[in-house]
Structures are given as structure tokens and as C-alpha cells.
PDB file of N, CA and C in Angstrom:
ATOM      1  N   MET A   1      -8.787  -7.401 -16.868  1.00  0.00           N
ATOM      2  CA  MET A   1      -8.241  -7.530 -15.534  1.00  0.00           C
ATOM      3  C   MET A   1      -8.638  -8.900 -14.985  1.00  0.00           C
ATOM      4  N   ASN A   2      -7.681  -9.574 -14.420  1.00  0.00           N
ATOM      5  CA  ASN A   2      -7.864 -10.910 -13.867  1.00  0.00           C
ATOM      6  C   ASN A   2      -8.762 -10.858 -12.625  1.00  0.00           C
ATOM      7  N   GLU A   3      -9.465 -11.944 -12.342  1.00  0.00           N
ATOM      8  CA  GLU A   3     -10.354 -12.014 -11.171  1.00  0.00           C
ATOM      9  C   GLU A   3      -9.569 -11.866  -9.868  1.00  0.00           C
ATOM     10  N   GLU A   4      -8.349 -12.440  -9.807  1.00  0.00           N
ATOM     11  CA  GLU A   4      -7.511 -12.303  -8.612  1.00  0.00           C
ATOM     12  C   GLU A   4      -7.153 -10.846  -8.363  1.00  0.00           C
ATOM     13  N   THR A   5      -6.839 -10.112  -9.431  1.00  0.00           N
ATOM     14  CA  THR A   5      -6.491  -8.705  -9.292  1.00  0.00           C
ATOM     15  C   THR A   5      -7.703  -7.900  -8.838  1.00  0.00           C
ATOM     16  N   LYS A   6      -8.883  -8.229  -9.340  1.00  0.00           N
ATOM     17  CA  LYS A   6     -10.100  -7.541  -8.896  1.00  0.00           C
ATOM     18  C   LYS A   6     -10.341  -7.763  -7.403  1.00  0.00           C
ATOM     19  N   LYS A   7     -10.165  -9.005  -6.944  1.00  0.00           N
ATOM     20  CA  LYS A   7     -10.318  -9.295  -5.517  1.00  0.00           C
ATOM     21  C   LYS A   7      -9.302  -8.510  -4.693  1.00  0.00           C
ATOM     22  N   HIS A   8      -8.067  -8.465  -5.198  1.00  0.00           N
ATOM     23  CA  HIS A   8      -6.998  -7.746  -4.505  1.00  0.00           C
ATOM     24  C   HIS A   8      -7.331  -6.258  -4.405  1.00  0.00           C
ATOM     25  N   LEU A   9      -7.806  -5.663  -5.491  1.00  0.00           N
ATOM     26  CA  LEU A   9      -8.159  -4.245  -5.471  1.00  0.00           C
ATOM     27  C   LEU A   9      -9.322  -3.977  -4.521  1.00  0.00           C
ATOM     28  N   ARG A  10     -10.301  -4.878  -4.476  1.00  0.00           N
ATOM     29  CA  ARG A  10     -11.409  -4.722  -3.523  1.00  0.00           C
ATOM     30  C   ARG A  10     -10.898  -4.740  -2.088  1.00  0.00           C
ATOM     31  N   LYS A  11      -9.969  -5.645  -1.784  1.00  0.00           N
ATOM     32  CA  LYS A  11      -9.403  -5.705  -0.438  1.00  0.00           C
ATOM     33  C   LYS A  11      -8.660  -4.421  -0.099  1.00  0.00           C
ATOM     34  N   VAL A  12      -7.901  -3.900  -1.051  1.00  0.00           N
ATOM     35  CA  VAL A  12      -7.168  -2.655  -0.824  1.00  0.00           C
ATOM     36  C   VAL A  12      -8.143  -1.529  -0.508  1.00  0.00           C
ATOM     37  N   ILE A  13      -9.199  -1.401  -1.291  1.00  0.00           N
ATOM     38  CA  ILE A  13     -10.178  -0.333  -1.073  1.00  0.00           C
ATOM     39  C   ILE A  13     -10.859  -0.495   0.282  1.00  0.00           C
ATOM     40  N   ILE A  14     -11.221  -1.712   0.649  1.00  0.00           N
ATOM     41  CA  ILE A  14     -11.863  -1.952   1.950  1.00  0.00           C
ATOM     42  C   ILE A  14     -10.912  -1.610   3.093  1.00  0.00           C
ATOM     43  N   PHE A  15      -9.644  -2.035   2.996  1.00  0.00           N
ATOM     44  CA  PHE A  15      -8.684  -1.731   4.053  1.00  0.00           C
ATOM     45  C   PHE A  15      -8.446  -0.228   4.187  1.00  0.00           C
ATOM     46  N   VAL A  16      -8.350   0.477   3.085  1.00  0.00           N
ATOM     47  CA  VAL A  16      -8.148   1.929   3.145  1.00  0.00           C
ATOM     48  C   VAL A  16      -9.366   2.596   3.778  1.00  0.00           C
ATOM     49  N   PHE A  17     -10.565   2.176   3.386  1.00  0.00           N
ATOM     50  CA  PHE A  17     -11.786   2.737   3.956  1.00  0.00           C
ATOM     51  C   PHE A  17     -11.850   2.497   5.466  1.00  0.00           C
ATOM     52  N   LEU A  18     -11.567   1.264   5.896  1.00  0.00           N
ATOM     53  CA  LEU A  18     -11.584   0.956   7.328  1.00  0.00           C
ATOM     54  C   LEU A  18     -10.522   1.753   8.083  1.00  0.00           C
ATOM     55  N   TYR A  19      -9.353   1.903   7.483  1.00  0.00           N
ATOM     56  CA  TYR A  19      -8.282   2.686   8.111  1.00  0.00           C
ATOM     57  C   TYR A  19      -8.717   4.138   8.302  1.00  0.00           C
ATOM     58  N   ILE A  20      -9.337   4.720   7.287  1.00  0.00           N
ATOM     59  CA  ILE A  20      -9.805   6.101   7.393  1.00  0.00           C
ATOM     60  C   ILE A  20     -10.871   6.219   8.479  1.00  0.00           C
ATOM     61  N   CYS A  21     -11.764   5.245   8.565  1.00  0.00           N
ATOM     62  CA  CYS A  21     -12.797   5.257   9.613  1.00  0.00           C
ATOM     63  C   CYS A  21     -12.173   5.190  11.006  1.00  0.00           C
ATOM     64  N   VAL A  22     -11.199   4.309  11.193  1.00  0.00           N
ATOM     65  CA  VAL A  22     -10.544   4.173  12.499  1.00  0.00           C
ATOM     66  C   VAL A  22      -9.807   5.455  12.865  1.00  0.00           C
ATOM     67  N   ILE A  23      -9.094   6.043  11.928  1.00  0.00           N
ATOM     68  CA  ILE A  23      -8.356   7.280  12.197  1.00  0.00           C
ATOM     69  C   ILE A  23      -9.318   8.409  12.550  1.00  0.00           C
ATOM     70  N   THR A  24     -10.407   8.519  11.809  1.00  0.00           N
ATOM     71  CA  THR A  24     -11.380   9.579  12.071  1.00  0.00           C
ATOM     72  C   THR A  24     -12.036   9.398  13.436  1.00  0.00           C
ATOM     73  N   LEU A  25     -12.492   8.189  13.729  1.00  0.00           N
ATOM     74  CA  LEU A  25     -13.121   7.939  15.027  1.00  0.00           C
ATOM     75  C   LEU A  25     -12.149   8.157  16.182  1.00  0.00           C
ATOM     76  N   SER A  26     -10.930   7.679  16.028  1.00  0.00           N
ATOM     77  CA  SER A  26      -9.958   7.875  17.104  1.00  0.00           C
ATOM     78  C   SER A  26      -9.605   9.348  17.265  1.00  0.00           C
ATOM     79  N   ALA A  27      -9.626  10.118  16.189  1.00  0.00           N
ATOM     80  CA  ALA A  27      -9.378  11.561  16.300  1.00  0.00           C
ATOM     81  C   ALA A  27     -10.497  12.237  17.086  1.00  0.00           C
ATOM     82  N   PHE A  28     -11.743  11.870  16.805  1.00  0.00           N
ATOM     83  CA  PHE A  28     -12.871  12.453  17.537  1.00  0.00           C
ATOM     84  C   PHE A  28     -12.849  12.076  19.016  1.00  0.00           C
ATOM     85  N   ILE A  29     -12.348  10.898  19.331  1.00  0.00           N
ATOM     86  CA  ILE A  29     -12.322  10.446  20.722  1.00  0.00           C
ATOM     87  C   ILE A  29     -11.104  10.983  21.470  1.00  0.00           C
ATOM     88  N   LEU A  30      -9.932  10.936  20.858  1.00  0.00           N
ATOM     89  CA  LEU A  30      -8.688  11.229  21.573  1.00  0.00           C
ATOM     90  C   LEU A  30      -8.252  12.688  21.538  1.00  0.00           C
ATOM     91  N   ILE A  31      -8.449  13.379  20.440  1.00  0.00           N
ATOM     92  CA  ILE A  31      -7.896  14.729  20.307  1.00  0.00           C
ATOM     93  C   ILE A  31      -8.691  15.793  21.067  1.00  0.00           C
ATOM     94  N   PRO A  32     -10.028  15.751  21.146  1.00  0.00           N
ATOM     95  CA  PRO A  32     -10.751  16.830  21.835  1.00  0.00           C
ATOM     96  C   PRO A  32     -10.410  16.997  23.311  1.00  0.00           C
ATOM     97  N   ASN A  33      -9.733  16.069  23.915  1.00  0.00           N
ATOM     98  CA  ASN A  33      -9.361  16.200  25.325  1.00  0.00           C
ATOM     99  C   ASN A  33      -8.328  17.292  25.551  1.00  0.00           C
ATOM    100  N   TYR A  34      -7.704  17.772  24.495  1.00  0.00           N
ATOM    101  CA  TYR A  34      -6.668  18.803  24.561  1.00  0.00           C
ATOM    102  C   TYR A  34      -5.516  18.398  25.475  1.00  0.00           C
ATOM    103  N   GLN A  35      -5.274  17.130  25.515  1.00  0.00           N
ATOM    104  CA  GLN A  35      -4.146  16.629  26.273  1.00  0.00           C
ATOM    105  C   GLN A  35      -3.137  16.049  25.292  1.00  0.00           C
ATOM    106  N   PRO A  36      -1.865  16.300  25.511  1.00  0.00           N
ATOM    107  CA  PRO A  36      -0.860  15.778  24.579  1.00  0.00           C
ATOM    108  C   PRO A  36      -0.869  14.254  24.505  1.00  0.00           C
ATOM    109  N   PHE A  37      -1.273  13.605  25.592  1.00  0.00           N
ATOM    110  CA  PHE A  37      -1.281  12.144  25.615  1.00  0.00           C
ATOM    111  C   PHE A  37      -2.257  11.576  24.580  1.00  0.00           C
ATOM    112  N   GLY A  38      -3.446  12.158  24.467  1.00  0.00           N
ATOM    113  CA  GLY A  38      -4.432  11.704  23.481  1.00  0.00           C
ATOM    114  C   GLY A  38      -3.940  11.904  22.062  1.00  0.00           C
ATOM    115  N   PHE A  39      -3.295  13.040  21.806  1.00  0.00           N
ATOM    116  CA  PHE A  39      -2.758  13.320  20.475  1.00  0.00           C
ATOM    117  C   PHE A  39      -1.624  12.365  20.135  1.00  0.00           C
ATOM    118  N   ILE A  40      -0.787  12.047  21.110  1.00  0.00           N
ATOM    119  CA  ILE A  40       0.325  11.119  20.884  1.00  0.00           C
ATOM    120  C   ILE A  40      -0.207   9.721  20.560  1.00  0.00           C
ATOM    121  N   ILE A  41      -1.243   9.292  21.270  1.00  0.00           N
ATOM    122  CA  ILE A  41      -1.854   7.991  20.974  1.00  0.00           C
ATOM    123  C   ILE A  41      -2.425   7.992  19.561  1.00  0.00           C
ATOM    124  N   TRP A  42      -3.083   9.089  19.176  1.00  0.00           N
ATOM    125  CA  TRP A  42      -3.666   9.184  17.835  1.00  0.00           C
ATOM    126  C   TRP A  42      -2.582   9.118  16.756  1.00  0.00           C
ATOM    127  N   ILE A  43      -1.479   9.826  16.960  1.00  0.00           N
ATOM    128  CA  ILE A  43      -0.353   9.783  16.007  1.00  0.00           C
ATOM    129  C   ILE A  43       0.196   8.357  15.911  1.00  0.00           C
ATOM    130  N   PHE A  44       0.332   7.688  17.055  1.00  0.00           N
ATOM    131  CA  PHE A  44       0.825   6.308  17.062  1.00  0.00           C
ATOM    132  C   PHE A  44      -0.112   5.389  16.276  1.00  0.00           C
ATOM    133  N   ILE A  45      -1.416   5.517  16.494  1.00  0.00           N
ATOM    134  CA  ILE A  45      -2.400   4.706  15.760  1.00  0.00           C
ATOM    135  C   ILE A  45      -2.309   4.995  14.263  1.00  0.00           C
ATOM    136  N   SER A  46      -2.181   6.264  13.905  1.00  0.00           N
ATOM    137  CA  SER A  46      -2.106   6.649  12.488  1.00  0.00           C
ATOM    138  C   SER A  46      -0.890   6.039  11.802  1.00  0.00           C
ATOM    139  N   PHE A  47       0.289   6.221  12.389  1.00  0.00           N
ATOM    140  CA  PHE A  47       1.505   5.703  11.771  1.00  0.00           C
ATOM    141  C   PHE A  47       1.547   4.179  11.773  1.00  0.00           C
ATOM    142  N   SER A  48       1.052   3.568  12.840  1.00  0.00           N
ATOM    143  CA  SER A  48       1.012   2.102  12.883  1.00  0.00           C
ATOM    144  C   SER A  48       0.129   1.553  11.776  1.00  0.00           C
ATOM    145  N   GLY A  49      -1.005   2.196  11.552  1.00  0.00           N
ATOM    146  CA  GLY A  49      -1.907   1.762  10.486  1.00  0.00           C
ATOM    147  C   GLY A  49      -1.272   1.868   9.113  1.00  0.00           C
ATOM    148  N   VAL A  50      -0.564   2.957   8.870  1.00  0.00           N
ATOM    149  CA  VAL A  50       0.101   3.136   7.575  1.00  0.00           C
ATOM    150  C   VAL A  50       1.175   2.070   7.378  1.00  0.00           C
ATOM    151  N   ILE A  51       1.971   1.844   8.406  1.00  0.00           N
ATOM    152  CA  ILE A  51       3.040   0.844   8.299  1.00  0.00           C
ATOM    153  C   ILE A  51       2.467  -0.550   8.058  1.00  0.00           C
ATOM    154  N   LEU A  52       1.425  -0.914   8.803  1.00  0.00           N
ATOM    155  CA  LEU A  52       0.810  -2.234   8.623  1.00  0.00           C
ATOM    156  C   LEU A  52       0.185  -2.383   7.242  1.00  0.00           C
ATOM    157  N   PHE A  53      -0.474  -1.329   6.767  1.00  0.00           N
ATOM    158  CA  PHE A  53      -1.097  -1.404   5.447  1.00  0.00           C
ATOM    159  C   PHE A  53      -0.049  -1.546   4.343  1.00  0.00           C
ATOM    160  N   VAL A  54       1.012  -0.749   4.397  1.00  0.00           N
ATOM    161  CA  VAL A  54       2.054  -0.831   3.364  1.00  0.00           C
ATOM    162  C   VAL A  54       2.736  -2.198   3.409  1.00  0.00           C
ATOM    163  N   ARG A  55       2.947  -2.719   4.598  1.00  0.00           N
ATOM    164  CA  ARG A  55       3.560  -4.051   4.715  1.00  0.00           C
ATOM    165  C   ARG A  55       2.656  -5.125   4.110  1.00  0.00           C
ATOM    166  N   TRP A  56       1.354  -5.076   4.426  1.00  0.00           N
ATOM    167  CA  TRP A  56       0.406  -6.037   3.859  1.00  0.00           C
ATOM    168  C   TRP A  56       0.359  -5.908   2.340  1.00  0.00           C
ATOM    169  N   HIS A  57       0.299  -4.673   1.857  1.00  0.00           N
ATOM    170  CA  HIS A  57       0.216  -4.431   0.419  1.00  0.00           C
ATOM    171  C   HIS A  57       1.468  -4.943  -0.294  1.00  0.00           C
ATOM    172  N   THR A  58       2.628  -4.736   0.301  1.00  0.00           N
ATOM    173  CA  THR A  58       3.882  -5.200  -0.289  1.00  0.00           C
ATOM    174  C   THR A  58       3.926  -6.725  -0.377  1.00  0.00           C
ATOM    175  N   GLN A  59       3.440  -7.404   0.641  1.00  0.00           N
ATOM    176  CA  GLN A  59       3.457  -8.870   0.649  1.00  0.00           C
ATOM    177  C   GLN A  59       2.463  -9.472  -0.335  1.00  0.00           C
ATOM    178  N   ASN A  60       1.427  -8.730  -0.702  1.00  0.00           N
ATOM    179  CA  ASN A  60       0.365  -9.267  -1.557  1.00  0.00           C
ATOM    180  C   ASN A  60       0.344  -8.676  -2.962  1.00  0.00           C
ATOM    181  N   THR A  61       1.341  -7.875  -3.313  1.00  0.00           N
ATOM    182  CA  THR A  61       1.363  -7.220  -4.617  1.00  0.00           C
ATOM    183  C   THR A  61       2.668  -7.516  -5.340  1.00  0.00           C
ATOM    184  N   ALA A  62       2.544  -7.811  -6.618  1.00  0.00           N
ATOM    185  CA  ALA A  62       3.702  -7.970  -7.500  1.00  0.00           C
ATOM    186  C   ALA A  62       3.586  -6.905  -8.585  1.00  0.00           C
ATOM    187  N   TYR A  63       4.668  -6.657  -9.286  1.00  0.00           N
ATOM    188  CA  TYR A  63       4.686  -5.634 -10.329  1.00  0.00           C
ATOM    189  C   TYR A  63       5.192  -6.240 -11.624  1.00  0.00           C
ATOM    190  N   ILE A  64       4.632  -5.782 -12.735  1.00  0.00           N
ATOM    191  CA  ILE A  64       5.021  -6.277 -14.054  1.00  0.00           C
ATOM    192  C   ILE A  64       5.650  -5.133 -14.836  1.00  0.00           C
ATOM    193  N   CYS A  65       6.865  -5.359 -15.325  1.00  0.00           N
ATOM    194  CA  CYS A  65       7.580  -4.363 -16.119  1.00  0.00           C
ATOM    195  C   CYS A  65       6.911  -4.242 -17.492  1.00  0.00           C
ATOM    196  N   PRO A  66       6.589  -3.016 -17.941  1.00  0.00           N
ATOM    197  CA  PRO A  66       5.968  -2.864 -19.258  1.00  0.00           C
ATOM    198  C   PRO A  66       6.940  -3.097 -20.414  1.00  0.00           C
ATOM    199  N   GLU A  67       8.234  -2.998 -20.160  1.00  0.00           N
ATOM    200  CA  GLU A  67       9.234  -3.188 -21.215  1.00  0.00           C
ATOM    201  C   GLU A  67       9.467  -4.664 -21.531  1.00  0.00           C
ATOM    202  N   CYS A  68       9.769  -5.446 -20.483  1.00  0.00           N
ATOM    203  CA  CYS A  68      10.148  -6.847 -20.716  1.00  0.00           C
ATOM    204  C   CYS A  68       9.115  -7.854 -20.211  1.00  0.00           C
ATOM    205  N   GLY A  69       8.115  -7.405 -19.461  1.00  0.00           N
ATOM    206  CA  GLY A  69       7.079  -8.301 -18.965  1.00  0.00           C
ATOM    207  C   GLY A  69       7.477  -9.113 -17.743  1.00  0.00           C
ATOM    208  N   TYR A  70       8.611  -8.793 -17.137  1.00  0.00           N
ATOM    209  CA  TYR A  70       9.095  -9.523 -15.969  1.00  0.00           C
ATOM    210  C   TYR A  70       8.246  -9.162 -14.748  1.00  0.00           C
ATOM    211  N   ALA A  71       7.811 -10.161 -13.989  1.00  0.00           N
ATOM    212  CA  ALA A  71       7.033  -9.951 -12.766  1.00  0.00           C
ATOM    213  C   ALA A  71       7.967 -10.049 -11.563  1.00  0.00           C
ATOM    214  N   PHE A  72       7.866  -9.084 -10.648  1.00  0.00           N
ATOM    215  CA  PHE A  72       8.748  -9.063  -9.488  1.00  0.00           C
ATOM    216  C   PHE A  72       8.039  -8.434  -8.296  1.00  0.00           C
ATOM    217  N   THR A  73       8.602  -8.648  -7.115  1.00  0.00           N
ATOM    218  CA  THR A  73       8.097  -8.033  -5.896  1.00  0.00           C
ATOM    219  C   THR A  73       9.138  -7.043  -5.389  1.00  0.00           C
ATOM    220  N   ILE A  74       8.723  -6.193  -4.458  1.00  0.00           N
ATOM    221  CA  ILE A  74       9.632  -5.192  -3.904  1.00  0.00           C
ATOM    222  C   ILE A  74       9.605  -5.277  -2.378  1.00  0.00           C
ATOM    223  N   THR A  75      10.531  -4.574  -1.747  1.00  0.00           N
ATOM    224  CA  THR A  75      10.590  -4.541  -0.289  1.00  0.00           C
ATOM    225  C   THR A  75       9.615  -3.489   0.245  1.00  0.00           C
ATOM    226  N   THR A  76       9.332  -3.581   1.531  1.00  0.00           N
ATOM    227  CA  THR A  76       8.433  -2.617   2.169  1.00  0.00           C
ATOM    228  C   THR A  76       9.030  -1.214   2.131  1.00  0.00           C
ATOM    229  N   SER A  77      10.327  -1.088   2.352  1.00  0.00           N
ATOM    230  CA  SER A  77      10.953   0.237   2.316  1.00  0.00           C
ATOM    231  C   SER A  77      10.879   0.844   0.917  1.00  0.00           C
ATOM    232  N   ARG A  78      11.052   0.039  -0.124  1.00  0.00           N
ATOM    233  CA  ARG A  78      10.934   0.520  -1.502  1.00  0.00           C
ATOM    234  C   ARG A  78       9.494   0.949  -1.782  1.00  0.00           C
ATOM    235  N   SER A  79       8.549   0.227  -1.210  1.00  0.00           N
ATOM    236  CA  SER A  79       7.141   0.562  -1.397  1.00  0.00           C
ATOM    237  C   SER A  79       6.808   1.913  -0.760  1.00  0.00           C
ATOM    238  N   PHE A  80       7.436   2.215   0.391  1.00  0.00           N
ATOM    239  CA  PHE A  80       7.205   3.499   1.054  1.00  0.00           C
ATOM    240  C   PHE A  80       7.701   4.677   0.219  1.00  0.00           C
ATOM    241  N   ILE A  81       8.861   4.531  -0.427  1.00  0.00           N
ATOM    242  CA  ILE A  81       9.486   5.693  -1.064  1.00  0.00           C
ATOM    243  C   ILE A  81       9.214   5.823  -2.559  1.00  0.00           C
ATOM    244  N   SER A  82       8.634   4.809  -3.181  1.00  0.00           N
ATOM    245  CA  SER A  82       8.395   4.864  -4.630  1.00  0.00           C
ATOM    246  C   SER A  82       7.121   5.638  -4.949  1.00  0.00           C
ATOM    247  N   PRO A  83       7.187   6.538  -5.936  1.00  0.00           N
ATOM    248  CA  PRO A  83       5.964   7.226  -6.371  1.00  0.00           C
ATOM    249  C   PRO A  83       4.988   6.226  -6.982  1.00  0.00           C
ATOM    250  N   HIS A  84       3.705   6.502  -6.819  1.00  0.00           N
ATOM    251  CA  HIS A  84       2.713   5.574  -7.345  1.00  0.00           C
ATOM    252  C   HIS A  84       1.471   6.312  -7.817  1.00  0.00           C
ATOM    253  N   MET A  85       0.737   5.619  -8.681  1.00  0.00           N
ATOM    254  CA  MET A  85      -0.578   6.056  -9.140  1.00  0.00           C
ATOM    255  C   MET A  85      -1.491   4.855  -8.972  1.00  0.00           C
ATOM    256  N   TRP A  86      -2.731   4.991  -9.376  1.00  0.00           N
ATOM    257  CA  TRP A  86      -3.659   3.870  -9.273  1.00  0.00           C
ATOM    258  C   TRP A  86      -3.147   2.703 -10.109  1.00  0.00           C
ATOM    259  N   ARG A  87      -2.847   1.580  -9.475  1.00  0.00           N
ATOM    260  CA  ARG A  87      -2.383   0.337 -10.094  1.00  0.00           C
ATOM    261  C   ARG A  87      -1.004   0.437 -10.750  1.00  0.00           C
ATOM    262  N   ARG A  88      -0.258   1.495 -10.539  1.00  0.00           N
ATOM    263  CA  ARG A  88       1.082   1.622 -11.127  1.00  0.00           C
ATOM    264  C   ARG A  88       2.040   2.215 -10.094  1.00  0.00           C
ATOM    265  N   LYS A  89       3.302   1.806 -10.204  1.00  0.00           N
ATOM    266  CA  LYS A  89       4.343   2.326  -9.319  1.00  0.00           C
ATOM    267  C   LYS A  89       5.609   2.513 -10.138  1.00  0.00           C
ATOM    268  N   LEU A  90       6.299   3.617  -9.911  1.00  0.00           N
ATOM    269  CA  LEU A  90       7.530   3.918 -10.635  1.00  0.00           C
ATOM    270  C   LEU A  90       8.678   3.126 -10.014  1.00  0.00           C
ATOM    271  N   LEU A  91       9.137   2.096 -10.737  1.00  0.00           N
ATOM    272  CA  LEU A  91      10.161   1.185 -10.234  1.00  0.00           C
ATOM    273  C   LEU A  91      11.184   0.868 -11.321  1.00  0.00           C
ATOM    274  N   ARG A  92      12.348   0.416 -10.876  1.00  0.00           N
ATOM    275  CA  ARG A  92      13.369  -0.071 -11.802  1.00  0.00           C
ATOM    276  C   ARG A  92      13.250  -1.591 -11.869  1.00  0.00           C
ATOM    277  N   CYS A  93      13.132  -2.107 -13.082  1.00  0.00           N
ATOM    278  CA  CYS A  93      12.984  -3.549 -13.284  1.00  0.00           C
ATOM    279  C   CYS A  93      14.304  -4.244 -12.948  1.00  0.00           C
ATOM    280  N   PRO A  94      14.267  -5.292 -12.118  1.00  0.00           N
ATOM    281  CA  PRO A  94      15.511  -6.000 -11.795  1.00  0.00           C
ATOM    282  C   PRO A  94      16.087  -6.781 -12.974  1.00  0.00           C
ATOM    283  N   LYS A  95      15.266  -7.077 -13.980  1.00  0.00           N
ATOM    284  CA  LYS A  95      15.745  -7.856 -15.124  1.00  0.00           C
ATOM    285  C   LYS A  95      16.357  -6.958 -16.200  1.00  0.00           C
ATOM    286  N   CYS A  96      15.596  -5.979 -16.699  1.00  0.00           N
ATOM    287  CA  CYS A  96      16.097  -5.147 -17.802  1.00  0.00           C
ATOM    288  C   CYS A  96      16.751  -3.853 -17.315  1.00  0.00           C
ATOM    289  N   GLY A  97      16.528  -3.468 -16.053  1.00  0.00           N
ATOM    290  CA  GLY A  97      17.169  -2.288 -15.490  1.00  0.00           C
ATOM    291  C   GLY A  97      16.541  -0.965 -15.877  1.00  0.00           C
ATOM    292  N   LYS A  98      15.426  -0.973 -16.607  1.00  0.00           N
ATOM    293  CA  LYS A  98      14.776   0.267 -17.018  1.00  0.00           C
ATOM    294  C   LYS A  98      13.777   0.708 -15.959  1.00  0.00           C
ATOM    295  N   ARG A  99      13.673   2.030 -15.811  1.00  0.00           N
ATOM    296  CA  ARG A  99      12.742   2.604 -14.838  1.00  0.00           C
ATOM    297  C   ARG A  99      11.442   2.947 -15.550  1.00  0.00           C
ATOM    298  N   ASN A 100      10.343   2.345 -15.111  1.00  0.00           N
ATOM    299  CA  ASN A 100       9.040   2.530 -15.744  1.00  0.00           C
ATOM    300  C   ASN A 100       7.930   2.491 -14.710  1.00  0.00           C
ATOM    301  N   TRP A 101       6.727   2.862 -15.168  1.00  0.00           N
ATOM    302  CA  TRP A 101       5.527   2.721 -14.344  1.00  0.00           C
ATOM    303  C   TRP A 101       5.061   1.275 -14.473  1.00  0.00           C
ATOM    304  N   CYS A 102       5.401   0.465 -13.482  1.00  0.00           N
ATOM    305  CA  CYS A 102       5.089  -0.962 -13.506  1.00  0.00           C
ATOM    306  C   CYS A 102       3.672  -1.206 -13.005  1.00  0.00           C
ATOM    307  N   LEU A 103       3.002  -2.142 -13.639  1.00  0.00           N
ATOM    308  CA  LEU A 103       1.623  -2.480 -13.305  1.00  0.00           C
ATOM    309  C   LEU A 103       1.581  -3.334 -12.042  1.00  0.00           C
ATOM    310  N   ALA A 104       0.727  -2.943 -11.090  1.00  0.00           N
ATOM    311  CA  ALA A 104       0.559  -3.703  -9.850  1.00  0.00           C
ATOM    312  C   ALA A 104      -0.490  -4.789 -10.054  1.00  0.00           C
ATOM    313  N   VAL A 105      -0.135  -6.011  -9.693  1.00  0.00           N
ATOM    314  CA  VAL A 105      -1.057  -7.149  -9.776  1.00  0.00           C
ATOM    315  C   VAL A 105      -0.962  -7.945  -8.477  1.00  0.00           C
ATOM    316  N   SER A 106      -1.937  -8.796  -8.258  1.00  0.00           N
ATOM    317  CA  SER A 106      -1.925  -9.665  -7.086  1.00  0.00           C
ATOM    318  C   SER A 106      -0.809 -10.698  -7.226  1.00  0.00           C
ATOM    319  N   VAL A 107      -0.142 -11.003  -6.133  1.00  0.00           N
ATOM    320  CA  VAL A 107       0.906 -12.027  -6.145  1.00  0.00           C
ATOM    321  C   VAL A 107       0.314 -13.368  -6.566  1.00  0.00           C
ATOM    322  N   LYS A 108      -0.928 -13.633  -6.172  1.00  0.00           N
ATOM    323  CA  LYS A 108      -1.580 -14.892  -6.529  1.00  0.00           C
ATOM    324  C   LYS A 108      -1.781 -15.015  -8.034  1.00  0.00           C
ATOM    325  N   GLU A 109      -1.882 -13.889  -8.725  1.00  0.00           N
ATOM    326  CA  GLU A 109      -2.085 -13.913 -10.177  1.00  0.00           C
ATOM    327  C   GLU A 109      -0.856 -14.428 -10.915  1.00  0.00           C
ATOM    328  N   ILE A 110       0.331 -14.116 -10.420  1.00  0.00           N
ATOM    329  CA  ILE A 110       1.546 -14.517 -11.137  1.00  0.00           C
ATOM    330  C   ILE A 110       2.072 -15.866 -10.687  1.00  0.00           C
ATOM    331  N   MET A 111       1.534 -16.414  -9.612  1.00  0.00           N
ATOM    332  CA  MET A 111       2.005 -17.717  -9.130  1.00  0.00           C
ATOM    333  C   MET A 111       1.322 -18.840  -9.851  1.00  0.00           C
TER     334      MET A 111
END
């Protein structure tokens, strides 16, 4: 694994951890009031965090097709709906057209 990819994975793990901490803390602060307004704010914070994280991840991640080795990026909407596993995402390669579990790498690694 390339050093750039290791740095990228560390950032992803840190961002996910911080997001979980913020969601948990905001739930403890906003939801116990038993007011719909606090719950609505918490839902807004939760969804905003997910959208921002997926957008950041999409801008900083490229994928490599296992069939032809072509490196490509995807849109944020494609990132939301594509199934994924650790470091892999089920995508159709724009070059060869085959659907495979493409390896996720840092955009800086392929540039």
C-alpha cells in the first residue's frame, strides 16, 4: 500500500471517528429535551455530516479497475448509491465497461 493511500485511510478513519463523536454528543444534548425542535436539529446535523463526508471522500478518492487497471473518479451521487466494502466499491469501469469491485486509492496517488 502506497504512503499516500495510508495517509488517506488515516484521514478517513479520523473523520468518521470525529463524526460519530459529534453525532453522539449532539444526541445527548439535543434529544433529551423531548422537544421536536431538538430532534430536528439533530437529524439536520446527522444528514449534513454524512453529505459533507461523502462529498469530501468523493473528491479525494479514485478507483482502479481490477480488469484493465484504469484509474477513474466518480460523482458524489454515484458514491452515495454504490455498494462498498473496506477499500473497494462496486462500480462499472468507464473504459472497459465491466462491473467489478474497484480498489479505492487516494487521488494524489494516481496524479
